[in-house]
Amino acid sequence: MNKVQIYTSSYCPYCIRAKQLLDSKGIEYDEVNLDKNPEKKIETMQKLNWRTVPIILIGDELIGGYDQLVSLERANKLDELLN
């Protein structure tokens, strides 16, 4: 199974929803909360060319944010990316 990493912020409702979706499917993920490290937040956003949280990666592939995660799930493609 491909590793899932999610960069989040504590106050972000989309981060909470993304984690709930992953949890509901029993998908394990590594969470990196960017609230406590503003330098890491800027570095991550620049490196991945993504400006909002959550930032979701499956394996080495940037999935995007919550909307992209939900779109993959609705299209029945999320499970394919995980395996």
C-alpha atoms as a PDB file:
ATOM      1  CA  MET A   1       0.000   0.000   0.000  1.00  0.00           C
ATOM      2  CA  ASN A   2       1.288   3.464  -0.896  1.00  0.00           C
ATOM      3  CA  LYS A   3       2.094   5.778   1.980  1.00  0.00           C
ATOM      4  CA  VAL A   4      -0.313   8.674   2.567  1.00  0.00           C
ATOM      5  CA  GLN A   5       0.972  11.933   3.957  1.00  0.00           C
ATOM      6  CA  ILE A   6      -1.245  14.868   4.807  1.00  0.00           C
ATOM      7  CA  TYR A   7      -0.075  18.351   5.734  1.00  0.00           C
ATOM      8  CA  THR A   8      -2.666  20.067   7.897  1.00  0.00           C
ATOM      9  CA  SER A   9      -3.564  23.022  10.057  1.00  0.00           C
ATOM     10  CA  SER A  10      -5.537  22.685  13.277  1.00  0.00           C
ATOM     11  CA  TYR A  11      -8.177  25.268  12.368  1.00  0.00           C
ATOM     12  CA  CYS A  12      -8.832  23.974   8.837  1.00  0.00           C
ATOM     13  CA  PRO A  13     -12.252  22.327   8.341  1.00  0.00           C
ATOM     14  CA  TYR A  14     -11.099  20.735   5.071  1.00  0.00           C
ATOM     15  CA  CYS A  15      -8.178  19.110   6.888  1.00  0.00           C
ATOM     16  CA  ILE A  16     -10.593  17.637   9.407  1.00  0.00           C
ATOM     17  CA  ARG A  17     -12.855  16.338   6.629  1.00  0.00           C
ATOM     18  CA  ALA A  18      -9.947  14.835   4.703  1.00  0.00           C
ATOM     19  CA  LYS A  19      -8.760  12.987   7.809  1.00  0.00           C
ATOM     20  CA  GLN A  20     -12.326  11.804   8.500  1.00  0.00           C
ATOM     21  CA  LEU A  21     -12.586  10.391   4.982  1.00  0.00           C
ATOM     22  CA  LEU A  22      -9.259   8.601   5.305  1.00  0.00           C
ATOM     23  CA  ASP A  23     -10.204   7.307   8.759  1.00  0.00           C
ATOM     24  CA  SER A  24     -13.600   6.075   7.532  1.00  0.00           C
ATOM     25  CA  LYS A  25     -11.833   3.986   4.892  1.00  0.00           C
ATOM     26  CA  GLY A  26      -9.296   2.663   7.391  1.00  0.00           C
ATOM     27  CA  ILE A  27      -6.442   4.356   5.559  1.00  0.00           C
ATOM     28  CA  GLU A  28      -3.402   5.040   7.691  1.00  0.00           C
ATOM     29  CA  TYR A  29      -1.613   8.339   7.113  1.00  0.00           C
ATOM     30  CA  ASP A  30       1.212  10.429   8.450  1.00  0.00           C
ATOM     31  CA  GLU A  31       0.015  13.868   9.510  1.00  0.00           C
ATOM     32  CA  VAL A  32       2.270  16.895   9.571  1.00  0.00           C
ATOM     33  CA  ASN A  33       0.620  19.812  11.358  1.00  0.00           C
ATOM     34  CA  LEU A  34       2.079  23.006   9.922  1.00  0.00           C
ATOM     35  CA  ASP A  35       0.723  25.337  12.640  1.00  0.00           C
ATOM     36  CA  LYS A  36       3.743  25.000  14.861  1.00  0.00           C
ATOM     37  CA  ASN A  37       6.332  25.452  12.145  1.00  0.00           C
ATOM     38  CA  PRO A  38       5.660  28.411   9.814  1.00  0.00           C
ATOM     39  CA  GLU A  39       8.981  27.920   8.030  1.00  0.00           C
ATOM     40  CA  LYS A  40       8.052  24.314   7.220  1.00  0.00           C
ATOM     41  CA  LYS A  41       4.664  25.519   5.968  1.00  0.00           C
ATOM     42  CA  ILE A  42       6.234  27.981   3.537  1.00  0.00           C
ATOM     43  CA  GLU A  43       8.866  25.449   2.453  1.00  0.00           C
ATOM     44  CA  THR A  44       6.283  22.707   1.857  1.00  0.00           C
ATOM     45  CA  MET A  45       3.908  24.953  -0.061  1.00  0.00           C
ATOM     46  CA  GLN A  46       6.699  26.234  -2.295  1.00  0.00           C
ATOM     47  CA  LYS A  47       8.181  22.777  -2.870  1.00  0.00           C
ATOM     48  CA  LEU A  48       4.833  21.242  -3.817  1.00  0.00           C
ATOM     49  CA  ASN A  49       3.458  24.373  -5.518  1.00  0.00           C
ATOM     50  CA  TRP A  50       0.274  24.179  -3.450  1.00  0.00           C
ATOM     51  CA  ARG A  51      -1.000  27.120  -1.414  1.00  0.00           C
ATOM     52  CA  THR A  52      -3.689  25.704   0.839  1.00  0.00           C
ATOM     53  CA  VAL A  53      -4.072  22.928   3.387  1.00  0.00           C
ATOM     54  CA  PRO A  54      -4.642  20.093   3.412  1.00  0.00           C
ATOM     55  CA  ILE A  55      -1.844  19.012   1.133  1.00  0.00           C
ATOM     56  CA  ILE A  56      -2.270  15.309   0.423  1.00  0.00           C
ATOM     57  CA  LEU A  57       0.329  13.014  -1.083  1.00  0.00           C
ATOM     58  CA  ILE A  58      -0.082   9.350  -1.945  1.00  0.00           C
ATOM     59  CA  GLY A  59       3.294   7.798  -2.455  1.00  0.00           C
ATOM     60  CA  ASP A  60       5.313  10.552  -4.109  1.00  0.00           C
ATOM     61  CA  GLU A  61       2.329  11.936  -6.009  1.00  0.00           C
ATOM     62  CA  LEU A  62       0.642  15.188  -5.000  1.00  0.00           C
ATOM     63  CA  ILE A  63      -3.086  14.505  -4.930  1.00  0.00           C
ATOM     64  CA  GLY A  64      -4.019  18.046  -3.954  1.00  0.00           C
ATOM     65  CA  GLY A  65      -6.444  19.012  -1.254  1.00  0.00           C
ATOM     66  CA  TYR A  66      -9.751  17.833   0.149  1.00  0.00           C
ATOM     67  CA  ASP A  67     -11.730  18.460  -3.049  1.00  0.00           C
ATOM     68  CA  GLN A  68      -9.325  16.359  -5.106  1.00  0.00           C
ATOM     69  CA  LEU A  69      -9.390  13.579  -2.498  1.00  0.00           C
ATOM     70  CA  VAL A  70     -13.194  13.462  -2.578  1.00  0.00           C
ATOM     71  CA  SER A  71     -13.208  13.506  -6.380  1.00  0.00           C
ATOM     72  CA  LEU A  72     -10.891  10.494  -6.435  1.00  0.00           C
ATOM     73  CA  GLU A  73     -13.118   8.661  -3.956  1.00  0.00           C
ATOM     74  CA  ARG A  74     -16.297   9.421  -5.924  1.00  0.00           C
ATOM     75  CA  ALA A  75     -14.665   8.240  -9.141  1.00  0.00           C
ATOM     76  CA  ASN A  76     -13.593   5.009  -7.382  1.00  0.00           C
ATOM     77  CA  LYS A  77      -9.934   5.846  -8.093  1.00  0.00           C
ATOM     78  CA  LEU A  78      -8.680   6.427  -4.548  1.00  0.00           C
ATOM     79  CA  ASP A  79      -8.280   2.734  -3.770  1.00  0.00           C
ATOM     80  CA  GLU A  80      -6.354   2.234  -7.017  1.00  0.00           C
ATOM     81  CA  LEU A  81      -3.833   4.910  -6.028  1.00  0.00           C
ATOM     82  CA  LEU A  82      -3.362   3.358  -2.613  1.00  0.00           C
ATOM     83  CA  ASN A  83      -2.432  -0.075  -3.956  1.00  0.00           C
END
